[in-house]
N, C-alpha and C. Protein backbone atom coordinates (compact mmCIF):
# COMPACT_ATOMS: atom_id res chain seq x y z
N MET A 1 4.81 6.60 -0.46
CA MET A 1 5.38 5.35 -0.53
C MET A 1 5.08 4.76 0.47
N THR A 2 4.80 3.03 0.67
CA THR A 2 4.54 2.25 1.81
C THR A 2 5.57 1.55 1.72
N GLY A 3 5.98 1.43 2.92
CA GLY A 3 7.40 0.48 2.87
C GLY A 3 6.55 -1.08 3.04
N ILE A 4 7.52 -2.20 2.77
CA ILE A 4 7.09 -3.68 2.98
C ILE A 4 8.72 -3.67 3.55
N ALA A 5 8.64 -4.82 4.80
CA ALA A 5 9.35 -5.24 5.45
C ALA A 5 9.31 -6.77 5.12
N VAL A 6 10.45 -7.54 5.05
CA VAL A 6 10.32 -8.67 4.76
C VAL A 6 11.58 -9.45 5.28
N VAL A 7 10.96 -10.55 6.21
CA VAL A 7 11.91 -10.73 7.26
C VAL A 7 12.04 -12.40 6.84
N ARG A 8 13.55 -12.79 6.64
CA ARG A 8 13.66 -14.15 6.54
C ARG A 8 13.39 -15.46 7.54
N LEU A 9 12.78 -16.35 7.55
CA LEU A 9 12.79 -17.11 9.19
C LEU A 9 13.12 -18.48 8.42
N LYS A 10 13.31 -18.64 6.84
CA LYS A 10 13.68 -20.58 6.95
C LYS A 10 15.19 -20.27 5.95
N GLY A 11 16.18 -21.38 6.44
CA GLY A 11 17.45 -21.25 5.48
C GLY A 11 16.88 -21.98 4.22
N ALA A 12 17.82 -21.88 3.99
CA ALA A 12 17.88 -22.77 2.32
C ALA A 12 18.20 -23.75 1.62
N VAL A 13 18.61 -25.01 2.85
CA VAL A 13 19.26 -26.02 3.03
C VAL A 13 18.09 -27.07 1.65
N LYS A 14 18.48 -27.47 0.35
CA LYS A 14 17.65 -28.59 -0.15
C LYS A 14 16.75 -27.40 -0.52
N THR A 15 17.08 -25.99 -1.32
CA THR A 15 16.15 -25.51 -2.09
C THR A 15 16.74 -25.16 -3.58
N LYS A 16 15.87 -24.70 -4.57
CA LYS A 16 16.13 -24.53 -5.45
C LYS A 16 17.51 -23.42 -5.52
N GLU A 17 17.91 -23.46 -6.72
CA GLU A 17 19.31 -22.31 -7.07
C GLU A 17 18.61 -21.11 -7.29
N THR A 18 17.03 -21.27 -8.17
CA THR A 18 16.58 -19.67 -8.15
C THR A 18 16.67 -19.53 -7.34
N VAL A 19 15.81 -19.71 -6.09
CA VAL A 19 15.52 -19.56 -4.77
C VAL A 19 16.84 -18.94 -4.26
N LYS A 20 17.51 -19.32 -4.39
CA LYS A 20 18.95 -19.04 -3.26
C LYS A 20 19.43 -17.41 -3.96
N ASP A 21 19.17 -17.13 -5.30
CA ASP A 21 19.70 -16.68 -6.26
C ASP A 21 18.88 -15.31 -5.82
N THR A 22 17.53 -15.89 -5.51
CA THR A 22 16.94 -14.29 -5.17
C THR A 22 16.94 -13.94 -3.72
N PHE A 23 17.23 -14.82 -3.07
CA PHE A 23 17.78 -14.49 -1.96
C PHE A 23 18.56 -13.28 -1.52
N LYS A 24 19.94 -13.57 -2.37
CA LYS A 24 21.05 -12.69 -2.99
C LYS A 24 20.38 -11.58 -3.34
N LEU A 25 20.13 -11.64 -4.63
CA LEU A 25 19.36 -10.25 -4.76
C LEU A 25 18.54 -9.20 -4.12
N LEU A 26 17.66 -10.20 -3.02
CA LEU A 26 16.88 -9.46 -2.42
C LEU A 26 17.66 -8.69 -1.19
N GLY A 27 19.09 -9.42 -0.96
CA GLY A 27 19.75 -8.89 -0.02
C GLY A 27 19.67 -9.95 1.30
N LEU A 28 18.74 -10.96 1.57
CA LEU A 28 18.13 -11.76 2.62
C LEU A 28 19.53 -13.09 2.70
N ARG A 29 20.87 -12.78 3.25
CA ARG A 29 21.55 -13.46 2.67
C ARG A 29 21.15 -14.86 4.52
N ARG A 30 20.77 -14.29 5.16
CA ARG A 30 20.50 -15.20 6.81
C ARG A 30 19.61 -15.25 7.05
N VAL A 31 19.59 -16.30 7.87
CA VAL A 31 17.97 -16.07 8.67
C VAL A 31 17.36 -15.11 9.81
N ASN A 32 16.97 -14.32 9.63
CA ASN A 32 16.51 -13.53 10.79
C ASN A 32 17.13 -12.22 10.25
N SER A 33 17.61 -11.99 9.15
CA SER A 33 17.61 -10.54 8.14
C SER A 33 16.38 -10.14 7.85
N LEU A 34 16.51 -8.84 7.95
CA LEU A 34 15.36 -7.77 7.40
C LEU A 34 15.59 -6.84 6.54
N ILE A 35 14.45 -6.69 4.91
CA ILE A 35 15.10 -5.45 4.51
C ILE A 35 13.97 -5.12 4.33
N VAL A 36 13.43 -3.59 3.46
CA VAL A 36 12.30 -2.60 3.69
C VAL A 36 12.33 -2.09 2.21
N VAL A 37 11.01 -2.86 1.08
CA VAL A 37 11.11 -2.43 0.14
C VAL A 37 9.90 -1.59 -0.45
N ASP A 38 9.77 -0.98 -1.18
CA ASP A 38 8.48 -0.17 -1.68
C ASP A 38 7.78 -1.21 -2.53
N SER A 39 6.65 -0.71 -1.91
CA SER A 39 5.33 -1.62 -2.75
C SER A 39 5.16 -1.37 -4.27
N GLY A 40 5.50 -0.25 -4.27
CA GLY A 40 5.48 0.09 -5.47
C GLY A 40 6.29 -0.55 -6.42
N ASP A 41 7.00 -1.30 -6.44
CA ASP A 41 8.67 -1.99 -7.05
C ASP A 41 8.20 -3.25 -7.47
N LYS A 42 7.43 -3.31 -8.53
CA LYS A 42 6.52 -4.77 -9.43
C LYS A 42 7.97 -5.64 -9.06
N SER A 43 9.50 -5.61 -9.75
CA SER A 43 10.26 -6.10 -9.84
C SER A 43 10.57 -6.88 -7.94
N LYS A 44 10.30 -6.30 -7.24
CA LYS A 44 11.03 -6.53 -5.53
C LYS A 44 9.89 -7.24 -5.29
N MET A 45 8.60 -7.06 -5.52
CA MET A 45 7.71 -7.62 -5.00
C MET A 45 7.42 -8.75 -6.06
N GLY A 46 7.90 -9.41 -6.97
CA GLY A 46 8.07 -10.61 -7.83
C GLY A 46 8.81 -11.19 -6.83
N MET A 47 10.06 -10.58 -6.30
CA MET A 47 11.07 -11.75 -5.70
C MET A 47 10.48 -12.12 -4.64
N VAL A 48 10.18 -11.39 -3.99
CA VAL A 48 9.04 -11.81 -2.47
C VAL A 48 8.33 -12.29 -3.04
N ASN A 49 7.45 -12.48 -3.62
CA ASN A 49 6.42 -14.02 -4.30
C ASN A 49 7.09 -15.24 -4.41
N LYS A 50 8.09 -14.77 -5.31
CA LYS A 50 8.98 -16.15 -5.56
C LYS A 50 9.92 -16.94 -4.07
N VAL A 51 10.09 -16.52 -2.81
CA VAL A 51 10.55 -16.47 -1.90
C VAL A 51 9.69 -16.59 -0.53
N LYS A 52 8.30 -16.46 -0.84
CA LYS A 52 7.06 -16.46 0.02
C LYS A 52 6.98 -17.70 1.39
N ASP A 53 7.54 -19.06 0.93
CA ASP A 53 7.52 -20.38 1.73
C ASP A 53 8.65 -20.17 2.64
N PHE A 54 9.47 -18.96 2.53
CA PHE A 54 11.02 -18.95 3.54
C PHE A 54 10.99 -17.37 4.28
N VAL A 55 9.78 -16.24 4.15
CA VAL A 55 9.77 -15.14 4.73
C VAL A 55 8.17 -14.78 5.48
N THR A 56 8.46 -14.08 5.97
CA THR A 56 6.94 -13.50 6.32
C THR A 56 7.52 -11.69 6.09
N TRP A 57 6.34 -10.80 5.36
CA TRP A 57 6.48 -9.75 4.94
C TRP A 57 4.83 -9.03 5.55
N GLY A 58 5.25 -7.47 5.70
CA GLY A 58 3.70 -6.80 5.86
C GLY A 58 4.15 -5.46 5.96
N GLU A 59 3.43 -4.26 5.87
CA GLU A 59 3.19 -3.17 5.93
C GLU A 59 4.26 -2.62 7.42
N ILE A 60 5.60 -2.30 6.97
CA ILE A 60 5.99 -1.46 8.48
C ILE A 60 5.67 0.19 8.66
N SER A 61 5.29 0.23 10.01
CA SER A 61 4.40 1.28 10.29
C SER A 61 6.05 2.35 10.84
N GLU A 62 5.85 3.72 10.09
CA GLU A 62 6.97 4.62 10.41
C GLU A 62 7.64 4.70 11.96
N GLU A 63 7.05 3.96 12.65
CA GLU A 63 7.42 4.23 14.33
C GLU A 63 8.34 2.84 14.33
N THR A 64 8.09 1.96 14.01
CA THR A 64 8.91 0.63 14.32
C THR A 64 10.35 1.41 13.21
N GLU A 65 9.77 1.69 11.90
CA GLU A 65 11.29 1.70 10.87
C GLU A 65 12.30 2.79 11.69
N ASN A 66 11.43 3.78 11.94
CA ASN A 66 12.45 4.73 13.57
C ASN A 66 13.54 3.60 14.32
N MET A 67 12.24 3.00 14.80
CA MET A 67 13.31 2.35 15.86
C MET A 67 14.72 1.54 15.37
N LEU A 68 13.68 0.90 13.83
CA LEU A 68 14.77 0.26 14.26
C LEU A 68 16.27 0.69 13.21
N LYS A 69 16.16 1.66 12.70
CA LYS A 69 17.04 2.80 12.23
C LYS A 69 18.10 3.51 13.07
N GLU A 70 17.03 3.85 14.52
CA GLU A 70 17.36 3.98 15.37
C GLU A 70 18.69 2.73 16.44
N LYS A 71 17.92 1.62 16.38
CA LYS A 71 18.89 1.46 17.02
C LYS A 71 20.07 0.24 16.09
N LYS A 72 19.94 0.54 14.98
CA LYS A 72 20.94 -0.57 14.24
C LYS A 72 21.68 -0.12 13.30
N GLY A 73 20.86 1.26 12.69
CA GLY A 73 21.46 2.79 11.87
C GLY A 73 21.30 2.29 10.50
N GLU A 74 21.43 2.35 9.33
CA GLU A 74 20.98 2.95 8.38
C GLU A 74 21.37 1.76 7.44
N GLN A 75 20.64 0.87 6.97
CA GLN A 75 21.29 -0.29 6.39
C GLN A 75 20.63 -1.01 5.29
N ARG A 76 20.84 -1.52 4.02
CA ARG A 76 20.06 -1.71 3.44
C ARG A 76 19.78 -3.36 3.65
N ALA A 77 20.07 -4.39 4.44
CA ALA A 77 19.47 -4.93 5.41
C ALA A 77 20.04 -5.68 6.69
N TYR A 78 19.04 -5.67 7.16
CA TYR A 78 19.50 -5.29 8.99
C TYR A 78 19.56 -7.10 9.40
N ARG A 79 20.56 -7.01 10.49
CA ARG A 79 20.60 -8.55 11.02
C ARG A 79 19.62 -7.93 12.40
N LEU A 80 18.74 -9.12 12.85
CA LEU A 80 17.64 -9.11 13.19
C LEU A 80 18.22 -10.20 14.84
N SER A 81 17.73 -10.17 16.03
CA SER A 81 18.22 -11.60 16.85
C SER A 81 16.94 -12.49 16.82
N PRO A 82 16.80 -13.43 17.22
CA PRO A 82 15.51 -14.27 16.86
C PRO A 82 14.35 -13.82 17.87
N ALA A 83 13.26 -14.20 17.56
CA ALA A 83 12.13 -13.45 17.88
C ALA A 83 11.94 -14.10 19.90
N ARG A 84 12.06 -12.82 20.38
CA ARG A 84 11.85 -13.06 22.28
C ARG A 84 10.37 -13.77 22.36
N GLY A 85 10.14 -14.75 22.72
CA GLY A 85 9.27 -15.32 22.88
C GLY A 85 9.15 -16.91 22.31
N GLY A 86 9.97 -16.92 20.87
CA GLY A 86 10.18 -17.84 20.00
C GLY A 86 9.29 -17.30 18.99
N LEU A 87 8.85 -18.70 17.98
CA LEU A 87 7.66 -18.18 17.03
C LEU A 87 6.36 -19.50 17.18
N LYS A 88 5.42 -19.19 16.02
CA LYS A 88 4.83 -20.21 16.24
C LYS A 88 5.37 -21.92 15.57
N SER A 89 5.54 -21.33 14.43
CA SER A 89 5.55 -22.26 13.69
C SER A 89 5.90 -21.70 12.50
N ILE A 90 7.64 -22.18 11.97
CA ILE A 90 8.16 -21.75 10.05
C ILE A 90 7.73 -22.56 9.19
N LYS A 91 6.12 -23.82 9.39
CA LYS A 91 6.00 -24.52 8.44
C LYS A 91 4.57 -24.10 8.18
N LYS A 92 4.11 -23.50 8.51
CA LYS A 92 2.54 -23.08 8.68
C LYS A 92 2.46 -21.43 8.29
N THR A 93 1.54 -21.26 7.77
CA THR A 93 1.13 -19.81 7.11
C THR A 93 0.57 -19.17 8.49
N TRP A 94 0.82 -17.83 7.94
CA TRP A 94 0.20 -16.80 8.89
C TRP A 94 -1.36 -16.77 9.01
N PRO A 95 -2.16 -16.70 10.09
CA PRO A 95 -2.16 -17.07 11.12
C PRO A 95 -1.95 -18.03 12.07
N LYS A 96 -1.94 -19.41 11.42
CA LYS A 96 -2.05 -20.60 12.08
C LYS A 96 -0.23 -20.25 12.67
N GLY A 97 0.31 -19.75 11.72
CA GLY A 97 2.52 -20.26 11.53
C GLY A 97 2.74 -18.41 11.88
N ASP A 98 4.16 -19.04 10.97
CA ASP A 98 4.63 -17.26 11.03
C ASP A 98 5.12 -17.36 9.60
N ILE A 99 5.07 -17.59 8.45
CA ILE A 99 5.11 -17.69 7.02
C ILE A 99 4.13 -16.84 6.66
N GLY A 100 4.62 -15.71 5.94
CA GLY A 100 3.95 -15.70 4.82
C GLY A 100 2.94 -13.79 5.19
N TYR A 101 1.78 -13.29 4.03
CA TYR A 101 2.00 -12.36 4.91
C TYR A 101 0.85 -12.05 5.73
N ARG A 102 1.47 -11.57 6.74
CA ARG A 102 0.87 -10.89 7.97
C ARG A 102 0.12 -9.32 7.85
N GLY A 103 0.14 -8.73 6.89
CA GLY A 103 -0.08 -7.06 7.02
C GLY A 103 0.27 -6.25 7.93
N ASP A 104 -0.59 -5.59 9.05
CA ASP A 104 0.54 -4.56 9.85
C ASP A 104 1.17 -5.17 11.31
N LYS A 105 0.54 -6.51 11.37
CA LYS A 105 1.11 -7.00 12.69
C LYS A 105 2.66 -7.31 12.47
N ILE A 106 3.38 -7.72 11.33
CA ILE A 106 4.88 -7.63 11.02
C ILE A 106 5.32 -6.77 11.85
N ASN A 107 4.95 -5.05 12.60
CA ASN A 107 5.88 -4.51 13.40
C ASN A 107 5.49 -5.00 14.68
N ASP A 108 4.84 -5.84 15.62
CA ASP A 108 5.05 -6.76 16.61
C ASP A 108 6.19 -7.98 16.40
N LEU A 109 6.26 -8.28 15.80
CA LEU A 109 7.26 -8.94 15.21
C LEU A 109 8.53 -8.81 14.98
N ILE A 110 8.63 -7.40 14.40
CA ILE A 110 9.97 -6.53 14.68
C ILE A 110 10.62 -6.30 15.45
N LYS A 111 9.26 -5.62 16.31
CA LYS A 111 10.03 -5.14 17.78
C LYS A 111 9.97 -6.22 18.53
N LYS A 112 9.66 -7.37 18.55
CA LYS A 112 9.89 -8.07 19.67
C LYS A 112 11.61 -9.30 18.85
N MET A 113 12.07 -9.19 17.55
CA MET A 113 13.73 -9.40 17.32
C MET A 113 14.57 -8.00 17.17
N ILE A 114 13.90 -6.86 17.59
CA ILE A 114 15.14 -5.66 17.76
C ILE A 114 15.95 -6.24 19.05
């Protein structure tokens, strides 16, 4: 089982109601919140694809996941701090910005936000 970390980076002002509902179903209710989903769960990955313009995601390592659970406890959705050092851009996709799929580089972002 490979875990996929999904971090919400943008708000939902002036967005479609279906996108807002998808955020609620995923549990990403606020900016800078994080969930870990199973990469084999096609329904969850379809929801991530629906909100792809508002989130960043990638494969979370066991080390980062353990650090997250140690500092924040066992939760469904984790509320994180804004990234230390800031983000590049929440309007451009990875690697020029911060939105979209970033692979294993998501671990660096999560460590900056814990």
